[in-house]
Amino acid sequence: FPSHDREAVECYFTVTDNDAINGPKTIQTERYRLKRKSELEAMRDQNLAHKQVENQLQQFQNASQSLRKESKKLQESMSKSNSVNFENREKISDWLDKQEKQLDRLQKAIQKQEQLNKLGEQMKNADPELKERREELKERMDRLKDEKLEKLLDELRDLMEKNPPKEQIQNKINEINRVFQSEEKELESLMEQLKELRLEENIKEQAQKMDEWSKKEEQL
């Protein structure tokens, strides 16, 4: 495979059988050329991926606000009856499904950012300052992996199976909303940090472009 010292490498695969009567025969595939991306191409890809993470986090935030409004309507509907009727049970179950998808969306965004941090560190001319910022960002995103949320969602599902007083269900919904709301506030700050990191990477990308243009002009 290519390394920092080799921009491209050619490879092929061979397969040999074990024909003991006629003797082994070997076949070979066509040659493949593997080219390592330039640092500028890698930076462009990384910048695009950072934007995708920002979009995922923004979607998470927007959906969380929408689900909180939905839960208020559920609360109002439950307050009009002495118990949780079938219609409200269906709505709560649907609300829980959406919240679990929210957790999955957040987890995927965190995993994507972790991959980006590793790629940034592996770049040939990794910037020490950007590396420090990525590590700080990783620590903050790790704190978003709140197992309490998953536990609360499971607890609400269990409650729904036991037919408890509606007040218990309302309290649990409120508790879930508070945790999600707390994460939203952390996300706002986190997204600003992501934008700052992407801006710094853009500046470095432009500097890299100018450096490459300068080298090309020198060669003319």
N, C-alpha and C. Protein backbone atom coordinates (compact mmCIF):
# COMPACT_ATOMS: atom_id res chain seq x y z
N PHE A 1 0.82 -1.19 0.00
CA PHE A 1 0.00 0.00 0.00
C PHE A 1 0.86 1.25 0.00
N PRO A 2 0.33 2.37 -0.52
CA PRO A 2 1.12 3.57 -0.59
C PRO A 2 1.42 4.13 0.79
N SER A 3 2.55 4.81 0.91
CA SER A 3 2.93 5.44 2.16
C SER A 3 3.18 6.90 1.88
N HIS A 4 3.63 7.65 2.91
CA HIS A 4 3.91 9.06 2.69
C HIS A 4 5.03 9.24 1.67
N ASP A 5 5.90 8.25 1.52
CA ASP A 5 7.04 8.37 0.61
C ASP A 5 6.70 7.91 -0.80
N ARG A 6 5.57 7.26 -0.98
CA ARG A 6 5.19 6.76 -2.29
C ARG A 6 3.77 7.22 -2.59
N GLU A 7 3.62 8.00 -3.68
CA GLU A 7 2.32 8.56 -4.01
C GLU A 7 1.38 7.52 -4.62
N ALA A 8 1.96 6.48 -5.28
CA ALA A 8 1.13 5.46 -5.93
C ALA A 8 1.88 4.13 -5.96
N VAL A 9 1.12 3.06 -6.08
CA VAL A 9 1.72 1.73 -6.16
C VAL A 9 0.86 0.86 -7.06
N GLU A 10 1.48 0.00 -7.82
CA GLU A 10 0.75 -0.95 -8.66
C GLU A 10 0.75 -2.31 -7.97
N CYS A 11 -0.37 -3.02 -8.10
CA CYS A 11 -0.43 -4.34 -7.48
C CYS A 11 -1.27 -5.28 -8.36
N TYR A 12 -1.12 -6.56 -8.12
CA TYR A 12 -1.92 -7.56 -8.80
C TYR A 12 -2.01 -8.77 -7.88
N PHE A 13 -2.94 -9.66 -8.16
CA PHE A 13 -3.15 -10.85 -7.34
C PHE A 13 -2.94 -12.10 -8.19
N THR A 14 -2.37 -13.12 -7.57
CA THR A 14 -2.17 -14.40 -8.25
C THR A 14 -2.81 -15.52 -7.43
N VAL A 15 -3.30 -16.53 -8.14
CA VAL A 15 -3.89 -17.70 -7.48
C VAL A 15 -3.28 -18.94 -8.13
N THR A 16 -2.80 -19.85 -7.30
CA THR A 16 -2.19 -21.10 -7.79
C THR A 16 -2.97 -22.29 -7.27
N ASP A 17 -3.32 -23.24 -8.19
CA ASP A 17 -4.05 -24.43 -7.74
C ASP A 17 -3.06 -25.50 -7.27
N ASN A 18 -3.60 -26.62 -6.79
CA ASN A 18 -2.73 -27.71 -6.28
C ASN A 18 -2.90 -28.98 -7.12
N ASP A 19 -2.88 -28.80 -8.44
CA ASP A 19 -3.03 -29.93 -9.37
C ASP A 19 -1.76 -30.81 -9.30
N ALA A 20 -1.88 -31.95 -8.61
CA ALA A 20 -0.72 -32.83 -8.42
C ALA A 20 -0.42 -33.65 -9.67
N ILE A 21 -1.40 -33.81 -10.57
CA ILE A 21 -1.21 -34.65 -11.77
C ILE A 21 -0.54 -33.86 -12.89
N ASN A 22 -1.13 -32.75 -13.25
CA ASN A 22 -0.61 -31.96 -14.36
C ASN A 22 0.33 -30.83 -13.92
N GLY A 23 0.45 -30.68 -12.62
CA GLY A 23 1.30 -29.61 -12.11
C GLY A 23 0.48 -28.36 -11.80
N PRO A 24 0.90 -27.58 -10.85
CA PRO A 24 0.16 -26.37 -10.44
C PRO A 24 0.10 -25.34 -11.56
N LYS A 25 -1.03 -24.68 -11.65
CA LYS A 25 -1.21 -23.61 -12.63
C LYS A 25 -1.55 -22.32 -11.89
N THR A 26 -1.00 -21.25 -12.40
CA THR A 26 -1.18 -19.94 -11.75
C THR A 26 -1.86 -18.97 -12.71
N ILE A 27 -2.83 -18.24 -12.18
CA ILE A 27 -3.47 -17.18 -12.96
C ILE A 27 -3.23 -15.85 -12.25
N GLN A 28 -3.20 -14.81 -13.02
CA GLN A 28 -2.90 -13.49 -12.46
C GLN A 28 -3.96 -12.48 -12.91
N THR A 29 -4.36 -11.62 -12.00
CA THR A 29 -5.34 -10.58 -12.33
C THR A 29 -4.64 -9.46 -13.09
N GLU A 30 -5.45 -8.56 -13.63
CA GLU A 30 -4.86 -7.38 -14.25
C GLU A 30 -4.24 -6.51 -13.15
N ARG A 31 -3.38 -5.62 -13.57
CA ARG A 31 -2.70 -4.76 -12.60
C ARG A 31 -3.61 -3.60 -12.18
N TYR A 32 -3.55 -3.28 -10.91
CA TYR A 32 -4.32 -2.16 -10.37
C TYR A 32 -3.36 -1.11 -9.87
N ARG A 33 -3.69 0.13 -10.12
CA ARG A 33 -2.86 1.22 -9.64
C ARG A 33 -3.58 1.94 -8.50
N LEU A 34 -2.98 1.93 -7.33
CA LEU A 34 -3.56 2.58 -6.15
C LEU A 34 -2.82 3.89 -5.92
N LYS A 35 -3.55 4.96 -5.93
CA LYS A 35 -2.94 6.28 -5.77
C LYS A 35 -3.37 6.90 -4.45
N ARG A 36 -2.40 7.32 -3.68
CA ARG A 36 -2.72 7.98 -2.42
C ARG A 36 -3.20 9.40 -2.70
N LYS A 37 -4.25 9.81 -2.01
CA LYS A 37 -4.75 11.16 -2.21
C LYS A 37 -3.69 12.17 -1.78
N SER A 38 -3.66 13.29 -2.47
CA SER A 38 -2.77 14.36 -2.05
C SER A 38 -3.30 14.93 -0.74
N GLU A 39 -2.45 15.66 -0.04
CA GLU A 39 -2.89 16.26 1.22
C GLU A 39 -4.04 17.23 0.99
N LEU A 40 -3.99 17.94 -0.13
CA LEU A 40 -5.06 18.89 -0.43
C LEU A 40 -6.38 18.17 -0.67
N GLU A 41 -6.35 17.05 -1.40
CA GLU A 41 -7.57 16.26 -1.64
C GLU A 41 -8.11 15.70 -0.33
N ALA A 42 -7.21 15.25 0.53
CA ALA A 42 -7.63 14.71 1.83
C ALA A 42 -8.26 15.80 2.68
N MET A 43 -7.72 17.00 2.63
CA MET A 43 -8.27 18.11 3.40
C MET A 43 -9.66 18.49 2.89
N ARG A 44 -9.84 18.44 1.56
CA ARG A 44 -11.16 18.75 0.99
C ARG A 44 -12.20 17.74 1.45
N ASP A 45 -11.83 16.46 1.41
CA ASP A 45 -12.74 15.40 1.85
C ASP A 45 -13.07 15.56 3.33
N GLN A 46 -12.06 15.89 4.11
CA GLN A 46 -12.26 16.06 5.54
C GLN A 46 -13.18 17.23 5.83
N ASN A 47 -13.00 18.31 5.09
CA ASN A 47 -13.83 19.49 5.27
C ASN A 47 -15.29 19.19 4.94
N LEU A 48 -15.52 18.43 3.85
CA LEU A 48 -16.87 18.05 3.46
C LEU A 48 -17.50 17.15 4.53
N ALA A 49 -16.72 16.22 5.06
CA ALA A 49 -17.23 15.31 6.09
C ALA A 49 -17.59 16.07 7.36
N HIS A 50 -16.80 17.09 7.71
CA HIS A 50 -17.12 17.92 8.88
C HIS A 50 -18.47 18.61 8.70
N LYS A 51 -18.71 19.06 7.47
CA LYS A 51 -19.99 19.71 7.19
C LYS A 51 -21.14 18.72 7.36
N GLN A 52 -20.92 17.48 6.96
CA GLN A 52 -21.95 16.45 7.11
C GLN A 52 -22.25 16.19 8.59
N VAL A 53 -21.20 16.19 9.41
CA VAL A 53 -21.40 16.00 10.86
C VAL A 53 -22.21 17.15 11.43
N GLU A 54 -21.88 18.38 11.01
CA GLU A 54 -22.63 19.55 11.47
C GLU A 54 -24.11 19.41 11.10
N ASN A 55 -24.37 18.96 9.87
CA ASN A 55 -25.76 18.80 9.43
C ASN A 55 -26.49 17.75 10.25
N GLN A 56 -25.78 16.64 10.57
CA GLN A 56 -26.39 15.59 11.39
C GLN A 56 -26.74 16.10 12.78
N LEU A 57 -25.85 16.88 13.36
CA LEU A 57 -26.10 17.44 14.69
C LEU A 57 -27.22 18.47 14.65
N GLN A 58 -27.29 19.23 13.55
CA GLN A 58 -28.36 20.21 13.42
C GLN A 58 -29.71 19.51 13.29
N GLN A 59 -29.74 18.41 12.54
CA GLN A 59 -30.96 17.62 12.41
C GLN A 59 -31.39 17.06 13.76
N PHE A 60 -30.41 16.60 14.54
CA PHE A 60 -30.69 16.08 15.87
C PHE A 60 -31.33 17.17 16.73
N GLN A 61 -30.76 18.35 16.69
CA GLN A 61 -31.27 19.47 17.49
C GLN A 61 -32.68 19.85 17.07
N ASN A 62 -32.91 19.95 15.77
CA ASN A 62 -34.25 20.33 15.27
C ASN A 62 -35.29 19.28 15.64
N ALA A 63 -34.93 18.00 15.49
CA ALA A 63 -35.87 16.92 15.81
C ALA A 63 -36.16 16.88 17.30
N SER A 64 -35.15 17.18 18.13
CA SER A 64 -35.35 17.18 19.59
C SER A 64 -36.37 18.24 19.99
N GLN A 65 -36.25 19.41 19.40
CA GLN A 65 -37.21 20.48 19.70
C GLN A 65 -38.61 20.10 19.26
N SER A 66 -38.70 19.46 18.10
CA SER A 66 -40.01 19.02 17.59
C SER A 66 -40.62 17.96 18.50
N LEU A 67 -39.79 17.03 18.97
CA LEU A 67 -40.29 15.96 19.85
C LEU A 67 -40.71 16.50 21.21
N ARG A 68 -40.05 17.54 21.66
CA ARG A 68 -40.43 18.13 22.94
C ARG A 68 -41.81 18.78 22.83
N LYS A 69 -42.06 19.43 21.70
CA LYS A 69 -43.39 20.01 21.47
C LYS A 69 -44.45 18.90 21.38
N GLU A 70 -44.06 17.81 20.73
CA GLU A 70 -44.98 16.68 20.60
C GLU A 70 -45.32 16.09 21.97
N SER A 71 -44.34 16.05 22.86
CA SER A 71 -44.57 15.50 24.19
C SER A 71 -45.52 16.39 25.00
N LYS A 72 -45.46 17.70 24.78
CA LYS A 72 -46.37 18.61 25.49
C LYS A 72 -47.81 18.36 25.08
N LYS A 73 -48.01 18.09 23.80
CA LYS A 73 -49.36 17.77 23.33
C LYS A 73 -49.85 16.46 23.95
N LEU A 74 -48.91 15.51 24.07
CA LEU A 74 -49.25 14.24 24.71
C LEU A 74 -49.67 14.46 26.16
N GLN A 75 -48.91 15.31 26.84
CA GLN A 75 -49.22 15.61 28.24
C GLN A 75 -50.61 16.23 28.38
N GLU A 76 -50.90 17.15 27.48
CA GLU A 76 -52.21 17.80 27.51
C GLU A 76 -53.33 16.80 27.25
N SER A 77 -53.09 15.89 26.30
CA SER A 77 -54.09 14.88 25.98
C SER A 77 -54.31 13.94 27.17
N MET A 78 -53.25 13.56 27.84
CA MET A 78 -53.37 12.65 29.00
C MET A 78 -54.06 13.32 30.18
N SER A 79 -53.87 14.63 30.32
CA SER A 79 -54.46 15.35 31.45
C SER A 79 -55.98 15.41 31.37
N LYS A 80 -56.52 15.13 30.18
CA LYS A 80 -57.97 15.21 30.00
C LYS A 80 -58.68 13.92 30.39
N SER A 81 -57.92 12.89 30.72
CA SER A 81 -58.55 11.62 31.12
C SER A 81 -57.92 11.11 32.41
N ASN A 82 -58.59 10.18 33.05
CA ASN A 82 -58.10 9.65 34.32
C ASN A 82 -56.99 8.62 34.14
N SER A 83 -56.91 8.03 32.97
CA SER A 83 -55.87 7.03 32.69
C SER A 83 -55.34 7.23 31.27
N VAL A 84 -54.33 6.46 30.95
CA VAL A 84 -53.73 6.56 29.62
C VAL A 84 -54.51 5.65 28.67
N ASN A 85 -55.24 6.26 27.74
CA ASN A 85 -56.07 5.46 26.83
C ASN A 85 -55.22 4.85 25.71
N PHE A 86 -55.89 4.05 24.88
CA PHE A 86 -55.17 3.33 23.81
C PHE A 86 -54.52 4.30 22.83
N GLU A 87 -55.23 5.34 22.47
CA GLU A 87 -54.69 6.31 21.50
C GLU A 87 -53.40 6.95 22.02
N ASN A 88 -53.44 7.33 23.30
CA ASN A 88 -52.24 7.95 23.88
C ASN A 88 -51.10 6.96 24.01
N ARG A 89 -51.43 5.72 24.27
CA ARG A 89 -50.38 4.69 24.35
C ARG A 89 -49.66 4.55 23.00
N GLU A 90 -50.46 4.58 21.94
CA GLU A 90 -49.88 4.48 20.61
C GLU A 90 -49.00 5.69 20.31
N LYS A 91 -49.44 6.85 20.72
CA LYS A 91 -48.66 8.07 20.49
C LYS A 91 -47.36 8.07 21.30
N ILE A 92 -47.44 7.58 22.53
CA ILE A 92 -46.24 7.51 23.37
C ILE A 92 -45.24 6.51 22.78
N SER A 93 -45.76 5.39 22.30
CA SER A 93 -44.89 4.38 21.68
C SER A 93 -44.20 4.95 20.45
N ASP A 94 -44.95 5.70 19.66
CA ASP A 94 -44.37 6.33 18.46
C ASP A 94 -43.33 7.37 18.86
N TRP A 95 -43.61 8.13 19.92
CA TRP A 95 -42.69 9.14 20.43
C TRP A 95 -41.39 8.49 20.91
N LEU A 96 -41.50 7.36 21.57
CA LEU A 96 -40.32 6.63 22.03
C LEU A 96 -39.48 6.12 20.87
N ASP A 97 -40.14 5.64 19.84
CA ASP A 97 -39.42 5.17 18.64
C ASP A 97 -38.60 6.31 18.03
N LYS A 98 -39.22 7.48 17.98
CA LYS A 98 -38.52 8.64 17.40
C LYS A 98 -37.34 9.06 18.27
N GLN A 99 -37.51 8.97 19.58
CA GLN A 99 -36.41 9.33 20.48
C GLN A 99 -35.24 8.36 20.33
N GLU A 100 -35.55 7.09 20.15
CA GLU A 100 -34.49 6.10 19.96
C GLU A 100 -33.75 6.33 18.64
N LYS A 101 -34.48 6.77 17.63
CA LYS A 101 -33.83 7.11 16.36
C LYS A 101 -32.93 8.34 16.54
N GLN A 102 -33.35 9.22 17.44
CA GLN A 102 -32.54 10.38 17.75
C GLN A 102 -31.19 9.96 18.34
N LEU A 103 -31.24 9.04 19.27
CA LEU A 103 -30.00 8.55 19.88
C LEU A 103 -29.10 7.91 18.84
N ASP A 104 -29.70 7.17 17.93
CA ASP A 104 -28.93 6.52 16.87
C ASP A 104 -28.29 7.56 15.95
N ARG A 105 -29.03 8.62 15.63
CA ARG A 105 -28.51 9.69 14.77
C ARG A 105 -27.32 10.38 15.46
N LEU A 106 -27.46 10.62 16.76
CA LEU A 106 -26.38 11.25 17.52
C LEU A 106 -25.15 10.36 17.57
N GLN A 107 -25.37 9.07 17.79
CA GLN A 107 -24.26 8.12 17.87
C GLN A 107 -23.49 8.06 16.55
N LYS A 108 -24.21 8.08 15.44
CA LYS A 108 -23.55 8.04 14.13
C LYS A 108 -22.73 9.31 13.88
N ALA A 109 -23.24 10.44 14.32
CA ALA A 109 -22.50 11.70 14.17
C ALA A 109 -21.22 11.66 15.00
N ILE A 110 -21.30 11.12 16.20
CA ILE A 110 -20.13 11.02 17.08
C ILE A 110 -19.09 10.09 16.46
N GLN A 111 -19.54 8.96 15.94
CA GLN A 111 -18.62 8.00 15.31
C GLN A 111 -17.95 8.61 14.08
N LYS A 112 -18.72 9.37 13.30
CA LYS A 112 -18.17 10.02 12.11
C LYS A 112 -17.09 11.02 12.50
N GLN A 113 -17.35 11.78 13.55
CA GLN A 113 -16.37 12.76 13.99
C GLN A 113 -15.11 12.08 14.52
N GLU A 114 -15.27 10.97 15.20
CA GLU A 114 -14.11 10.22 15.70
C GLU A 114 -13.23 9.75 14.54
N GLN A 115 -13.87 9.27 13.46
CA GLN A 115 -13.12 8.84 12.27
C GLN A 115 -12.36 10.01 11.65
N LEU A 116 -13.02 11.17 11.62
CA LEU A 116 -12.39 12.36 11.05
C LEU A 116 -11.18 12.79 11.88
N ASN A 117 -11.31 12.70 13.19
CA ASN A 117 -10.20 13.06 14.07
C ASN A 117 -8.98 12.18 13.79
N LYS A 118 -9.23 10.88 13.62
CA LYS A 118 -8.14 9.94 13.35
C LYS A 118 -7.49 10.24 12.00
N LEU A 119 -8.32 10.53 10.99
CA LEU A 119 -7.78 10.84 9.67
C LEU A 119 -6.93 12.11 9.70
N GLY A 120 -7.41 13.10 10.47
CA GLY A 120 -6.66 14.35 10.58
C GLY A 120 -5.30 14.15 11.19
N GLU A 121 -5.23 13.26 12.19
CA GLU A 121 -3.96 13.00 12.86
C GLU A 121 -3.01 12.22 11.97
N GLN A 122 -3.55 11.44 11.02
CA GLN A 122 -2.71 10.61 10.16
C GLN A 122 -2.19 11.35 8.94
N MET A 123 -2.66 12.56 8.73
CA MET A 123 -2.21 13.33 7.58
C MET A 123 -0.73 13.63 7.70
N LYS A 124 -0.09 13.74 6.56
CA LYS A 124 1.37 13.87 6.49
C LYS A 124 1.86 15.07 7.30
N ASN A 125 1.22 16.22 7.11
CA ASN A 125 1.64 17.43 7.81
C ASN A 125 0.57 17.85 8.83
N ALA A 126 0.24 16.94 9.71
CA ALA A 126 -0.80 17.20 10.71
C ALA A 126 -0.43 18.41 11.56
N ASP A 127 -1.36 19.35 11.66
CA ASP A 127 -1.12 20.56 12.43
C ASP A 127 -1.32 20.26 13.92
N PRO A 128 -0.29 20.52 14.76
CA PRO A 128 -0.40 20.23 16.20
C PRO A 128 -1.54 20.98 16.87
N GLU A 129 -1.77 22.23 16.44
CA GLU A 129 -2.85 23.01 17.04
C GLU A 129 -4.21 22.43 16.68
N LEU A 130 -4.38 22.01 15.42
CA LEU A 130 -5.64 21.41 15.01
C LEU A 130 -5.85 20.07 15.70
N LYS A 131 -4.75 19.34 15.90
CA LYS A 131 -4.83 18.07 16.61
C LYS A 131 -5.34 18.28 18.03
N GLU A 132 -4.85 19.32 18.68
CA GLU A 132 -5.30 19.63 20.05
C GLU A 132 -6.78 19.99 20.06
N ARG A 133 -7.21 20.74 19.05
CA ARG A 133 -8.63 21.11 18.97
C ARG A 133 -9.52 19.88 18.73
N ARG A 134 -9.03 18.97 17.90
CA ARG A 134 -9.80 17.75 17.63
C ARG A 134 -9.93 16.91 18.89
N GLU A 135 -8.87 16.83 19.68
CA GLU A 135 -8.92 16.06 20.91
C GLU A 135 -9.92 16.67 21.90
N GLU A 136 -9.92 17.99 21.97
CA GLU A 136 -10.88 18.67 22.84
C GLU A 136 -12.31 18.42 22.36
N LEU A 137 -12.49 18.46 21.03
CA LEU A 137 -13.80 18.21 20.45
C LEU A 137 -14.25 16.78 20.74
N LYS A 138 -13.34 15.84 20.64
CA LYS A 138 -13.65 14.43 20.90
C LYS A 138 -14.12 14.25 22.34
N GLU A 139 -13.44 14.89 23.27
CA GLU A 139 -13.82 14.79 24.69
C GLU A 139 -15.24 15.31 24.91
N ARG A 140 -15.56 16.40 24.26
CA ARG A 140 -16.90 16.98 24.42
C ARG A 140 -17.96 16.09 23.79
N MET A 141 -17.64 15.51 22.64
CA MET A 141 -18.62 14.63 21.98
C MET A 141 -18.79 13.33 22.75
N ASP A 142 -17.71 12.88 23.38
CA ASP A 142 -17.82 11.66 24.20
C ASP A 142 -18.79 11.87 25.36
N ARG A 143 -18.84 13.10 25.86
CA ARG A 143 -19.75 13.39 26.98
C ARG A 143 -21.21 13.34 26.55
N LEU A 144 -21.45 13.43 25.24
CA LEU A 144 -22.83 13.33 24.74
C LEU A 144 -23.34 11.89 24.75
N LYS A 145 -22.41 10.94 24.90
CA LYS A 145 -22.82 9.53 24.95
C LYS A 145 -23.42 9.23 26.33
N ASP A 146 -24.59 9.76 26.54
CA ASP A 146 -25.23 9.66 27.85
C ASP A 146 -26.07 8.38 27.93
N GLU A 147 -25.58 7.42 28.69
CA GLU A 147 -26.32 6.16 28.84
C GLU A 147 -27.62 6.36 29.62
N LYS A 148 -27.69 7.46 30.34
CA LYS A 148 -28.89 7.75 31.13
C LYS A 148 -30.12 7.88 30.22
N LEU A 149 -29.92 8.48 29.04
CA LEU A 149 -31.03 8.65 28.12
C LEU A 149 -31.62 7.32 27.69
N GLU A 150 -30.74 6.42 27.29
CA GLU A 150 -31.19 5.09 26.85
C GLU A 150 -31.91 4.37 27.99
N LYS A 151 -31.38 4.54 29.19
CA LYS A 151 -32.00 3.91 30.37
C LYS A 151 -33.39 4.48 30.62
N LEU A 152 -33.53 5.79 30.49
CA LEU A 152 -34.83 6.43 30.71
C LEU A 152 -35.86 5.98 29.68
N LEU A 153 -35.44 5.84 28.44
CA LEU A 153 -36.36 5.38 27.40
C LEU A 153 -36.82 3.95 27.68
N ASP A 154 -35.90 3.12 28.13
CA ASP A 154 -36.25 1.73 28.49
C ASP A 154 -37.22 1.71 29.67
N GLU A 155 -36.99 2.59 30.63
CA GLU A 155 -37.85 2.65 31.82
C GLU A 155 -39.28 3.06 31.43
N LEU A 156 -39.38 3.99 30.49
CA LEU A 156 -40.71 4.42 30.05
C LEU A 156 -41.43 3.29 29.32
N ARG A 157 -40.70 2.54 28.51
CA ARG A 157 -41.32 1.40 27.82
C ARG A 157 -41.81 0.37 28.84
N ASP A 158 -41.01 0.13 29.87
CA ASP A 158 -41.42 -0.81 30.92
C ASP A 158 -42.69 -0.32 31.63
N LEU A 159 -42.74 0.98 31.88
CA LEU A 159 -43.91 1.55 32.54
C LEU A 159 -45.17 1.35 31.71
N MET A 160 -45.04 1.51 30.42
CA MET A 160 -46.18 1.38 29.53
C MET A 160 -46.77 -0.03 29.57
N GLU A 161 -45.95 -1.01 29.87
CA GLU A 161 -46.42 -2.40 29.93
C GLU A 161 -47.12 -2.71 31.25
N LYS A 162 -46.87 -1.88 32.27
CA LYS A 162 -47.42 -2.16 33.60
C LYS A 162 -48.71 -1.40 33.90
N ASN A 163 -49.12 -0.55 32.97
CA ASN A 163 -50.35 0.22 33.15
C ASN A 163 -50.35 1.02 34.47
N PRO A 164 -49.35 1.88 34.67
CA PRO A 164 -49.26 2.66 35.91
C PRO A 164 -50.15 3.89 35.87
N PRO A 165 -50.23 4.64 36.96
CA PRO A 165 -50.96 5.92 36.92
C PRO A 165 -50.33 6.86 35.90
N LYS A 166 -51.17 7.65 35.29
CA LYS A 166 -50.66 8.52 34.21
C LYS A 166 -49.57 9.47 34.71
N GLU A 167 -49.62 9.82 36.01
CA GLU A 167 -48.63 10.75 36.56
C GLU A 167 -47.21 10.19 36.46
N GLN A 168 -47.07 8.90 36.62
CA GLN A 168 -45.74 8.28 36.51
C GLN A 168 -45.19 8.39 35.09
N ILE A 169 -46.09 8.18 34.14
CA ILE A 169 -45.68 8.30 32.74
C ILE A 169 -45.33 9.75 32.40
N GLN A 170 -46.14 10.68 32.87
CA GLN A 170 -45.87 12.09 32.62
C GLN A 170 -44.53 12.52 33.23
N ASN A 171 -44.26 12.05 34.43
CA ASN A 171 -43.00 12.39 35.09
C ASN A 171 -41.80 11.84 34.32
N LYS A 172 -41.95 10.64 33.81
CA LYS A 172 -40.84 10.03 33.07
C LYS A 172 -40.62 10.77 31.73
N ILE A 173 -41.70 11.15 31.08
CA ILE A 173 -41.57 11.93 29.84
C ILE A 173 -40.86 13.25 30.12
N ASN A 174 -41.25 13.90 31.22
CA ASN A 174 -40.61 15.17 31.58
C ASN A 174 -39.13 14.98 31.86
N GLU A 175 -38.79 13.89 32.50
CA GLU A 175 -37.40 13.61 32.81
C GLU A 175 -36.58 13.41 31.52
N ILE A 176 -37.15 12.68 30.58
CA ILE A 176 -36.48 12.46 29.29
C ILE A 176 -36.29 13.79 28.55
N ASN A 177 -37.32 14.63 28.59
CA ASN A 177 -37.22 15.93 27.93
C ASN A 177 -36.13 16.80 28.53
N ARG A 178 -36.00 16.75 29.84
CA ARG A 178 -34.98 17.57 30.51
C ARG A 178 -33.57 17.15 30.07
N VAL A 179 -33.36 15.84 29.96
CA VAL A 179 -32.04 15.35 29.55
C VAL A 179 -31.75 15.74 28.11
N PHE A 180 -32.74 15.57 27.24
CA PHE A 180 -32.55 15.94 25.84
C PHE A 180 -32.31 17.45 25.70
N GLN A 181 -33.03 18.23 26.50
CA GLN A 181 -32.87 19.69 26.45
C GLN A 181 -31.46 20.09 26.89
N SER A 182 -30.96 19.40 27.90
CA SER A 182 -29.59 19.66 28.36
C SER A 182 -28.58 19.35 27.26
N GLU A 183 -28.82 18.27 26.53
CA GLU A 183 -27.92 17.90 25.43
C GLU A 183 -28.00 18.91 24.30
N GLU A 184 -29.17 19.48 24.08
CA GLU A 184 -29.31 20.49 23.04
C GLU A 184 -28.44 21.70 23.33
N LYS A 185 -28.40 22.12 24.59
CA LYS A 185 -27.58 23.27 24.97
C LYS A 185 -26.10 22.97 24.75
N GLU A 186 -25.69 21.76 25.10
CA GLU A 186 -24.30 21.35 24.88
C GLU A 186 -24.00 21.30 23.38
N LEU A 187 -25.00 20.87 22.60
CA LEU A 187 -24.82 20.77 21.15
C LEU A 187 -24.60 22.14 20.50
N GLU A 188 -25.31 23.14 20.98
CA GLU A 188 -25.17 24.48 20.41
C GLU A 188 -23.71 24.95 20.50
N SER A 189 -23.13 24.77 21.69
CA SER A 189 -21.73 25.14 21.90
C SER A 189 -20.80 24.27 21.07
N LEU A 190 -21.13 22.99 21.01
CA LEU A 190 -20.31 22.03 20.27
C LEU A 190 -20.30 22.34 18.78
N MET A 191 -21.44 22.71 18.24
CA MET A 191 -21.54 23.02 16.81
C MET A 191 -20.74 24.27 16.46
N GLU A 192 -20.70 25.22 17.38
CA GLU A 192 -19.87 26.40 17.16
C GLU A 192 -18.39 26.02 17.10
N GLN A 193 -18.00 25.10 17.97
CA GLN A 193 -16.62 24.64 17.97
C GLN A 193 -16.30 23.88 16.68
N LEU A 194 -17.26 23.10 16.20
CA LEU A 194 -17.08 22.39 14.94
C LEU A 194 -16.89 23.36 13.77
N LYS A 195 -17.68 24.42 13.76
CA LYS A 195 -17.57 25.42 12.69
C LYS A 195 -16.21 26.12 12.73
N GLU A 196 -15.74 26.41 13.95
CA GLU A 196 -14.43 27.05 14.09
C GLU A 196 -13.33 26.13 13.58
N LEU A 197 -13.45 24.83 13.90
CA LEU A 197 -12.45 23.87 13.42
C LEU A 197 -12.47 23.78 11.90
N ARG A 198 -13.67 23.74 11.34
CA ARG A 198 -13.79 23.66 9.88
C ARG A 198 -13.23 24.92 9.22
N LEU A 199 -13.43 26.08 9.85
CA LEU A 199 -12.90 27.33 9.32
C LEU A 199 -11.37 27.29 9.30
N GLU A 200 -10.78 26.80 10.39
CA GLU A 200 -9.33 26.70 10.46
C GLU A 200 -8.80 25.73 9.41
N GLU A 201 -9.53 24.64 9.20
CA GLU A 201 -9.10 23.67 8.17
C GLU A 201 -9.24 24.29 6.77
N ASN A 202 -10.25 25.15 6.57
CA ASN A 202 -10.40 25.85 5.29
C ASN A 202 -9.22 26.77 5.03
N ILE A 203 -8.82 27.47 6.09
CA ILE A 203 -7.68 28.38 5.97
C ILE A 203 -6.42 27.60 5.61
N LYS A 204 -6.24 26.46 6.27
CA LYS A 204 -5.07 25.63 5.97
C LYS A 204 -5.15 25.09 4.54
N GLU A 205 -6.35 24.74 4.10
CA GLU A 205 -6.53 24.24 2.73
C GLU A 205 -6.14 25.30 1.71
N GLN A 206 -6.56 26.56 1.95
CA GLN A 206 -6.22 27.65 1.05
C GLN A 206 -4.72 27.89 1.03
N ALA A 207 -4.10 27.81 2.21
CA ALA A 207 -2.65 27.98 2.28
C ALA A 207 -1.94 26.87 1.52
N GLN A 208 -2.49 25.66 1.62
CA GLN A 208 -1.90 24.52 0.89
C GLN A 208 -2.04 24.71 -0.62
N LYS A 209 -3.18 25.25 -1.06
CA LYS A 209 -3.39 25.52 -2.48
C LYS A 209 -2.36 26.52 -3.00
N MET A 210 -2.17 27.58 -2.23
CA MET A 210 -1.22 28.61 -2.64
C MET A 210 0.20 28.04 -2.70
N ASP A 211 0.51 27.17 -1.76
CA ASP A 211 1.84 26.55 -1.75
C ASP A 211 2.04 25.67 -2.99
N GLU A 212 0.98 24.90 -3.36
CA GLU A 212 1.07 24.03 -4.54
C GLU A 212 1.18 24.85 -5.82
N TRP A 213 0.40 25.94 -5.90
CA TRP A 213 0.48 26.81 -7.08
C TRP A 213 1.87 27.42 -7.21
N SER A 214 2.41 27.82 -6.06
CA SER A 214 3.74 28.42 -6.05
C SER A 214 4.79 27.44 -6.56
N LYS A 215 4.68 26.18 -6.13
CA LYS A 215 5.63 25.15 -6.56
C LYS A 215 5.49 24.87 -8.06
N LYS A 216 4.25 24.88 -8.56
CA LYS A 216 4.03 24.65 -9.99
C LYS A 216 4.62 25.77 -10.83
N GLU A 217 4.48 27.02 -10.34
CA GLU A 217 5.03 28.16 -11.08
C GLU A 217 6.56 28.09 -11.12
N GLU A 218 7.14 27.62 -10.02
CA GLU A 218 8.60 27.49 -9.98
C GLU A 218 9.11 26.46 -10.98
N GLN A 219 8.26 25.46 -11.24
CA GLN A 219 8.66 24.39 -12.16
C GLN A 219 8.53 24.80 -13.64
N LEU A 220 7.75 25.88 -13.88
CA LEU A 220 7.55 26.34 -15.27
C LEU A 220 8.78 27.08 -15.81
